[in-house]
Amino acid sequence: MYHSGVNNHEAKTVGRSPGCSVVLDDRSVSRRHATVQTTEEGYLAVQDTDSSNGTWLHRNGRWIRVRRVILGAGDRIRFGDCEVALERLVELFGERTGVRLREGWNARGRPLVFDPAVTLSQKPRTVLEHPRRNPLTGDIEENRQPPGTQGQGNDR
């Protein structure tokens, strides 16, 4: 994934220390566990600071340990054993900064970003009448046979 550098002047800290921007009172969290920053494009990035218990990202149905990651709207983040809501990390930078989450679109096609300047016209909206998950690819697609009509003849 290509992205530009990180704005270090906007860095916030996560950890057990009272001086951190996000204080997590848990033994699994290091005193200065991670930093939260924005990229030049305004995306939210988390970087582990060599913590003992790691920074964990939940993406695509599984937890993976990360050193540095740019967050998406569907992600979950954990510092040691403490999960922190993405909204809490976005709020560290205030509304005026326009912090965004990558690939921030929900199933209904509405943006899940925290930037009020983003409009629906920036991504085409796809509406499925009878959505289903393709068992081979895992993609969400239109079900050609509406629910309740499988196995029935055309005489209906």
Protein backbone atom coordinates (compact mmCIF):
# COMPACT_ATOMS: atom_id res chain seq x y z
CA MET A 1 0.00 0.00 0.00
CA TYR A 2 1.38 3.39 -0.95
CA HIS A 3 1.11 6.27 1.42
CA SER A 4 3.09 9.34 2.16
CA GLY A 5 4.97 10.20 5.30
CA VAL A 6 3.56 10.80 8.73
CA ASN A 7 3.10 14.23 10.27
CA ASN A 8 5.25 13.82 13.38
CA HIS A 9 4.14 17.16 14.84
CA GLU A 10 0.65 15.65 15.21
CA ALA A 11 1.85 12.57 17.13
CA LYS A 12 -0.20 11.48 20.15
CA THR A 13 0.82 8.74 22.58
CA VAL A 14 -1.01 5.71 23.97
CA GLY A 15 0.16 4.01 27.15
CA ARG A 16 -0.01 3.56 30.91
CA SER A 17 1.91 6.74 31.73
CA PRO A 18 -0.22 9.68 32.97
CA GLY A 19 1.49 11.91 30.39
CA CYS A 20 0.07 9.95 27.44
CA SER A 21 -2.73 11.33 25.27
CA VAL A 22 -4.69 8.10 25.78
CA VAL A 23 -4.07 6.56 29.22
CA LEU A 24 -4.89 2.84 29.51
CA ASP A 25 -4.70 1.50 33.07
CA ASP A 26 -3.85 -2.13 32.28
CA ARG A 27 -0.75 -4.21 33.03
CA SER A 28 -0.59 -5.47 29.43
CA VAL A 29 -0.04 -1.89 28.19
CA SER A 30 3.48 -0.43 28.23
CA ARG A 31 4.16 2.98 29.76
CA ARG A 32 4.53 4.42 26.26
CA HIS A 33 2.95 1.72 24.13
CA ALA A 34 2.28 3.36 20.73
CA THR A 35 1.95 6.62 18.86
CA VAL A 36 -1.05 7.76 16.86
CA GLN A 37 -0.37 10.10 13.95
CA THR A 38 -1.90 11.36 10.74
CA THR A 39 -0.44 10.92 7.27
CA GLU A 40 -0.09 13.87 4.92
CA GLU A 41 -3.42 12.84 3.36
CA GLY A 42 -5.13 12.91 6.76
CA TYR A 43 -5.39 9.16 7.37
CA LEU A 44 -4.99 7.79 10.89
CA ALA A 45 -1.81 5.75 11.50
CA VAL A 46 -0.75 3.79 14.59
CA GLN A 47 2.85 2.82 15.29
CA ASP A 48 3.95 0.43 18.03
CA THR A 49 6.90 1.75 20.07
CA ASP A 50 8.55 -1.62 20.78
CA SER A 51 5.97 -2.49 23.42
CA SER A 52 6.20 -5.76 25.33
CA ASN A 53 2.71 -7.06 24.48
CA GLY A 54 2.35 -5.54 21.03
CA THR A 55 -0.20 -3.57 19.08
CA TRP A 56 -2.87 -5.69 17.42
CA LEU A 57 -5.10 -4.96 14.44
CA HIS A 58 -8.36 -6.79 13.74
CA ARG A 59 -8.93 -6.83 9.99
CA ASN A 60 -10.65 -9.40 7.77
CA GLY A 61 -11.80 -11.47 10.73
CA ARG A 62 -8.51 -12.00 12.53
CA TRP A 63 -6.10 -10.26 14.91
CA ILE A 64 -2.58 -9.58 13.60
CA ARG A 65 0.35 -7.96 15.37
CA VAL A 66 1.44 -4.74 13.66
CA ARG A 67 4.39 -2.37 13.89
CA ARG A 68 2.78 0.42 11.85
CA VAL A 69 -0.62 0.51 10.20
CA ILE A 70 -2.99 2.97 8.56
CA LEU A 71 -6.45 2.36 9.97
CA GLY A 72 -9.65 1.70 8.03
CA ALA A 73 -13.21 2.26 9.19
CA GLY A 74 -13.88 -1.47 9.65
CA ASP A 75 -10.73 -2.08 11.71
CA ARG A 76 -10.36 -2.65 15.43
CA ILE A 77 -7.18 -1.83 17.36
CA ARG A 78 -5.82 -3.29 20.58
CA PHE A 79 -2.87 -2.18 22.68
CA GLY A 80 -1.76 -5.22 24.67
CA ASP A 81 -5.09 -6.59 25.93
CA CYS A 82 -6.96 -3.23 25.76
CA GLU A 83 -9.13 -2.55 22.74
CA VAL A 84 -9.68 1.13 21.98
CA ALA A 85 -12.53 2.48 19.82
CA LEU A 86 -11.35 4.15 16.62
CA GLU A 87 -13.53 7.15 17.42
CA ARG A 88 -11.47 7.75 20.56
CA LEU A 89 -8.27 7.88 18.51
CA VAL A 90 -9.80 10.17 15.88
CA GLU A 91 -11.04 12.54 18.61
CA LEU A 92 -7.43 13.10 19.73
CA PHE A 93 -6.92 15.33 16.69
CA GLY A 94 -10.15 17.35 16.91
CA GLU A 95 -12.73 18.06 14.21
CA ARG A 96 -10.76 20.79 12.47
CA THR A 97 -8.00 18.44 11.28
CA GLY A 98 -10.25 16.27 9.07
CA VAL A 99 -8.79 12.93 10.16
CA ARG A 100 -9.98 10.12 7.89
CA LEU A 101 -10.13 6.35 8.05
CA ARG A 102 -9.07 4.44 4.94
CA GLU A 103 -11.72 2.61 2.91
CA GLY A 104 -14.41 4.06 5.10
CA TRP A 105 -17.62 2.81 3.51
CA ASN A 106 -20.31 0.73 5.16
CA ALA A 107 -22.71 -1.73 3.54
CA ARG A 108 -25.27 0.97 2.75
CA GLY A 109 -22.76 3.06 0.81
CA ARG A 110 -22.53 5.90 3.32
CA PRO A 111 -19.10 7.26 4.28
CA LEU A 112 -17.70 6.20 7.65
CA VAL A 113 -15.20 9.00 7.82
CA PHE A 114 -14.84 11.76 10.33
CA ASP A 115 -14.29 14.44 7.73
CA PRO A 116 -17.43 16.55 7.15
CA ALA A 117 -16.12 17.64 3.72
CA VAL A 118 -16.45 14.11 2.30
CA THR A 119 -19.55 13.65 0.17
CA LEU A 120 -21.32 10.61 -1.24
CA SER A 121 -20.27 11.58 -4.77
CA GLN A 122 -16.71 10.49 -4.05
CA LYS A 123 -17.60 6.79 -4.26
CA PRO A 124 -20.24 5.18 -6.47
CA ARG A 125 -23.11 3.73 -4.49
CA THR A 126 -23.99 0.11 -5.11
CA VAL A 127 -27.35 -1.11 -3.90
CA LEU A 128 -28.06 -4.84 -3.95
CA GLU A 129 -31.66 -6.02 -3.80
CA HIS A 130 -30.84 -9.54 -2.59
CA PRO A 131 -27.22 -9.61 -1.36
CA ARG A 132 -25.41 -12.86 -0.63
CA ARG A 133 -21.83 -13.87 0.13
CA ASN A 134 -20.19 -15.87 -2.65
CA PRO A 135 -18.99 -19.11 -0.99
CA LEU A 136 -15.95 -19.33 -3.28
CA THR A 137 -14.63 -15.76 -3.26
CA GLY A 138 -16.21 -14.36 -0.08
CA ASP A 139 -17.40 -11.27 -2.01
CA ILE A 140 -20.84 -9.77 -1.44
CA GLU A 141 -22.82 -9.96 -4.68
CA GLU A 142 -26.36 -9.92 -6.02
CA ASN A 143 -28.24 -13.18 -5.49
CA ARG A 144 -29.82 -14.01 -8.86
CA GLN A 145 -32.57 -16.01 -7.09
CA PRO A 146 -34.39 -13.94 -4.44
CA PRO A 147 -34.69 -15.55 -0.99
CA GLY A 148 -37.64 -17.96 -0.70
CA THR A 149 -37.65 -18.89 -4.40
CA GLN A 150 -34.80 -21.37 -4.47
CA GLY A 151 -35.88 -24.77 -5.68
CA GLN A 152 -39.27 -23.55 -6.93
CA GLY A 153 -40.47 -23.83 -10.49
CA ASN A 154 -41.37 -21.01 -12.88
CA ASP A 155 -45.12 -21.56 -12.42
CA ARG A 156 -45.29 -19.23 -9.48
